[in-house]
Amino acid sequence: MPPTDEPPTEVDASGLTCPMPVIELAQAIEGVGVGDTVRLLATDPTARVDVPVWCRMRRHRLVSLEVDGDVLRFVVERTR
């Protein structure tokens, strides 16, 4: 299925602690098509490690990580 031009699905996991940001991301990824992206906002510093590890384990692609103060902004592409 080709990616859509829709804006990415956004999940705001700000204020949630491990493992909730990854759980929220996993649920959101299931709701998008292959090739589409999910933007995850998280404030838990452990998400900086957890999200890339989860992407590798689940074989999804971490497109980007931006840090804005205490907020981590991840963009993850669903690859399968």
N, C-alpha and C. Protein backbone atom coordinates (compact mmCIF):
# COMPACT_ATOMS: atom_id res chain seq x y z
N MET A 1 0.85 -1.17 0.00
CA MET A 1 0.00 0.00 0.00
C MET A 1 0.90 1.23 0.00
N PRO A 2 0.71 2.18 -0.95
CA PRO A 2 1.57 3.36 -0.98
C PRO A 2 1.23 4.30 0.16
N PRO A 3 2.22 5.09 0.61
CA PRO A 3 1.96 6.05 1.68
C PRO A 3 0.96 7.10 1.22
N THR A 4 0.23 7.66 2.16
CA THR A 4 -0.73 8.72 1.83
C THR A 4 -0.09 10.07 2.07
N ASP A 5 -0.76 11.11 1.59
CA ASP A 5 -0.28 12.47 1.81
C ASP A 5 -0.92 13.08 3.05
N GLU A 6 -1.62 12.26 3.81
CA GLU A 6 -2.24 12.73 5.04
C GLU A 6 -1.17 13.14 6.04
N PRO A 7 -1.46 14.14 6.89
CA PRO A 7 -0.49 14.45 7.94
C PRO A 7 -0.33 13.25 8.86
N PRO A 8 0.83 13.13 9.48
CA PRO A 8 1.04 11.95 10.33
C PRO A 8 0.08 11.94 11.51
N THR A 9 -0.25 10.74 11.94
CA THR A 9 -1.01 10.57 13.17
C THR A 9 -0.12 11.04 14.31
N GLU A 10 -0.68 11.78 15.24
CA GLU A 10 0.13 12.28 16.35
C GLU A 10 -0.36 11.68 17.66
N VAL A 11 0.59 11.21 18.45
CA VAL A 11 0.30 10.65 19.77
C VAL A 11 1.02 11.51 20.79
N ASP A 12 0.27 12.09 21.70
CA ASP A 12 0.86 12.92 22.75
C ASP A 12 0.98 12.09 24.02
N ALA A 13 2.19 11.60 24.26
CA ALA A 13 2.45 10.81 25.47
C ALA A 13 3.21 11.65 26.50
N SER A 14 3.09 12.96 26.38
CA SER A 14 3.74 13.86 27.34
C SER A 14 3.22 13.56 28.74
N GLY A 15 4.13 13.50 29.68
CA GLY A 15 3.75 13.25 31.07
C GLY A 15 3.64 11.78 31.42
N LEU A 16 3.66 10.90 30.42
CA LEU A 16 3.59 9.47 30.69
C LEU A 16 4.99 8.91 30.88
N THR A 17 5.13 7.93 31.76
CA THR A 17 6.44 7.33 32.01
C THR A 17 6.51 5.94 31.39
N CYS A 18 7.71 5.45 31.31
CA CYS A 18 8.01 4.14 30.74
C CYS A 18 7.12 3.08 31.42
N PRO A 19 6.50 2.24 30.65
CA PRO A 19 6.62 1.97 29.21
C PRO A 19 5.52 2.61 28.38
N MET A 20 4.74 3.51 28.94
CA MET A 20 3.54 4.02 28.27
C MET A 20 3.78 4.71 26.92
N PRO A 21 4.83 5.54 26.75
CA PRO A 21 5.01 6.13 25.42
C PRO A 21 5.16 5.08 24.32
N VAL A 22 5.89 4.01 24.58
CA VAL A 22 6.06 2.96 23.58
C VAL A 22 4.74 2.20 23.37
N ILE A 23 4.00 1.98 24.41
CA ILE A 23 2.70 1.30 24.29
C ILE A 23 1.75 2.16 23.45
N GLU A 24 1.73 3.45 23.70
CA GLU A 24 0.89 4.36 22.91
C GLU A 24 1.32 4.36 21.44
N LEU A 25 2.62 4.37 21.20
CA LEU A 25 3.15 4.31 19.84
C LEU A 25 2.73 3.01 19.15
N ALA A 26 2.87 1.90 19.84
CA ALA A 26 2.52 0.60 19.27
C ALA A 26 1.04 0.55 18.87
N GLN A 27 0.18 1.09 19.70
CA GLN A 27 -1.25 1.11 19.38
C GLN A 27 -1.52 2.00 18.17
N ALA A 28 -0.85 3.14 18.09
CA ALA A 28 -1.07 4.07 16.98
C ALA A 28 -0.55 3.50 15.66
N ILE A 29 0.59 2.82 15.70
CA ILE A 29 1.19 2.24 14.49
C ILE A 29 0.23 1.23 13.85
N GLU A 30 -0.51 0.50 14.69
CA GLU A 30 -1.45 -0.49 14.16
C GLU A 30 -2.60 0.18 13.40
N GLY A 31 -2.84 1.46 13.66
CA GLY A 31 -3.95 2.15 13.03
C GLY A 31 -3.60 2.89 11.75
N VAL A 32 -2.36 2.80 11.29
CA VAL A 32 -1.96 3.47 10.06
C VAL A 32 -1.50 2.43 9.04
N GLY A 33 -1.46 2.84 7.79
CA GLY A 33 -1.05 1.94 6.73
C GLY A 33 0.46 1.82 6.63
N VAL A 34 0.90 0.77 5.98
CA VAL A 34 2.32 0.59 5.72
C VAL A 34 2.81 1.78 4.90
N GLY A 35 3.91 2.36 5.32
CA GLY A 35 4.47 3.54 4.66
C GLY A 35 4.02 4.84 5.28
N ASP A 36 2.99 4.80 6.12
CA ASP A 36 2.54 6.01 6.80
C ASP A 36 3.34 6.20 8.09
N THR A 37 3.23 7.38 8.66
CA THR A 37 4.03 7.71 9.84
C THR A 37 3.16 8.08 11.03
N VAL A 38 3.77 7.94 12.19
CA VAL A 38 3.18 8.37 13.46
C VAL A 38 4.17 9.30 14.11
N ARG A 39 3.69 10.44 14.59
CA ARG A 39 4.52 11.36 15.36
C ARG A 39 4.20 11.13 16.84
N LEU A 40 5.23 10.88 17.62
CA LEU A 40 5.08 10.64 19.06
C LEU A 40 5.74 11.77 19.81
N LEU A 41 5.01 12.37 20.73
CA LEU A 41 5.56 13.37 21.64
C LEU A 41 5.71 12.72 23.00
N ALA A 42 6.89 12.83 23.58
CA ALA A 42 7.14 12.21 24.88
C ALA A 42 8.03 13.12 25.71
N THR A 43 7.84 13.07 27.02
CA THR A 43 8.68 13.84 27.94
C THR A 43 9.52 12.94 28.83
N ASP A 44 9.25 11.65 28.81
CA ASP A 44 10.04 10.72 29.62
C ASP A 44 11.40 10.52 28.95
N PRO A 45 12.50 10.86 29.61
CA PRO A 45 13.82 10.75 29.00
C PRO A 45 14.16 9.34 28.53
N THR A 46 13.59 8.32 29.15
CA THR A 46 13.90 6.95 28.72
C THR A 46 13.34 6.64 27.33
N ALA A 47 12.38 7.43 26.87
CA ALA A 47 11.83 7.22 25.53
C ALA A 47 12.91 7.41 24.47
N ARG A 48 13.91 8.21 24.77
CA ARG A 48 15.01 8.45 23.82
C ARG A 48 15.73 7.15 23.47
N VAL A 49 15.75 6.21 24.41
CA VAL A 49 16.35 4.89 24.18
C VAL A 49 15.26 3.89 23.78
N ASP A 50 14.14 3.91 24.48
CA ASP A 50 13.09 2.91 24.27
C ASP A 50 12.51 2.92 22.87
N VAL A 51 12.24 4.09 22.32
CA VAL A 51 11.58 4.16 21.01
C VAL A 51 12.48 3.60 19.90
N PRO A 52 13.75 4.01 19.80
CA PRO A 52 14.60 3.40 18.77
C PRO A 52 14.75 1.88 18.93
N VAL A 53 14.85 1.40 20.16
CA VAL A 53 14.96 -0.04 20.39
C VAL A 53 13.67 -0.73 19.94
N TRP A 54 12.52 -0.17 20.29
CA TRP A 54 11.24 -0.74 19.87
C TRP A 54 11.15 -0.77 18.34
N CYS A 55 11.58 0.31 17.68
CA CYS A 55 11.53 0.35 16.21
C CYS A 55 12.37 -0.77 15.61
N ARG A 56 13.57 -0.99 16.14
CA ARG A 56 14.41 -2.08 15.64
C ARG A 56 13.77 -3.44 15.88
N MET A 57 13.22 -3.64 17.08
CA MET A 57 12.60 -4.92 17.42
C MET A 57 11.39 -5.22 16.54
N ARG A 58 10.61 -4.19 16.24
CA ARG A 58 9.37 -4.37 15.47
C ARG A 58 9.58 -4.12 13.98
N ARG A 59 10.81 -3.78 13.60
CA ARG A 59 11.18 -3.54 12.21
C ARG A 59 10.40 -2.39 11.57
N HIS A 60 10.22 -1.33 12.34
CA HIS A 60 9.68 -0.08 11.80
C HIS A 60 10.85 0.89 11.71
N ARG A 61 10.67 1.97 10.95
CA ARG A 61 11.77 2.90 10.72
C ARG A 61 11.60 4.17 11.54
N LEU A 62 12.62 4.48 12.32
CA LEU A 62 12.65 5.76 13.03
C LEU A 62 13.11 6.80 12.02
N VAL A 63 12.20 7.66 11.62
CA VAL A 63 12.49 8.66 10.59
C VAL A 63 13.26 9.82 11.19
N SER A 64 12.82 10.28 12.37
CA SER A 64 13.49 11.42 12.98
C SER A 64 13.24 11.48 14.48
N LEU A 65 14.13 12.17 15.15
CA LEU A 65 13.99 12.49 16.58
C LEU A 65 14.44 13.93 16.73
N GLU A 66 13.56 14.77 17.24
CA GLU A 66 13.88 16.16 17.53
C GLU A 66 13.68 16.38 19.03
N VAL A 67 14.56 17.17 19.60
CA VAL A 67 14.46 17.50 21.01
C VAL A 67 14.15 18.98 21.12
N ASP A 68 13.06 19.30 21.83
CA ASP A 68 12.65 20.69 22.05
C ASP A 68 12.43 20.87 23.54
N GLY A 69 13.49 21.28 24.24
CA GLY A 69 13.41 21.38 25.69
C GLY A 69 13.25 20.00 26.28
N ASP A 70 12.15 19.79 27.00
CA ASP A 70 11.87 18.50 27.62
C ASP A 70 11.07 17.56 26.71
N VAL A 71 10.66 18.06 25.55
CA VAL A 71 9.80 17.26 24.66
C VAL A 71 10.65 16.58 23.59
N LEU A 72 10.45 15.27 23.48
CA LEU A 72 11.06 14.48 22.41
C LEU A 72 10.01 14.26 21.35
N ARG A 73 10.34 14.56 20.10
CA ARG A 73 9.42 14.36 18.98
C ARG A 73 10.00 13.30 18.05
N PHE A 74 9.33 12.17 18.02
CA PHE A 74 9.74 11.06 17.17
C PHE A 74 8.78 10.98 15.97
N VAL A 75 9.31 10.63 14.81
CA VAL A 75 8.48 10.27 13.68
C VAL A 75 8.89 8.85 13.30
N VAL A 76 7.91 7.95 13.30
CA VAL A 76 8.14 6.54 13.03
C VAL A 76 7.30 6.12 11.83
N GLU A 77 7.93 5.45 10.88
CA GLU A 77 7.23 4.93 9.71
C GLU A 77 6.87 3.47 9.90
N ARG A 78 5.64 3.14 9.62
CA ARG A 78 5.23 1.74 9.66
C ARG A 78 5.76 1.06 8.40
N THR A 79 6.54 0.02 8.58
CA THR A 79 7.18 -0.62 7.44
C THR A 79 6.60 -2.00 7.11
N ARG A 80 5.75 -2.51 7.97
CA ARG A 80 5.15 -3.83 7.69
C ARG A 80 3.79 -3.91 8.30
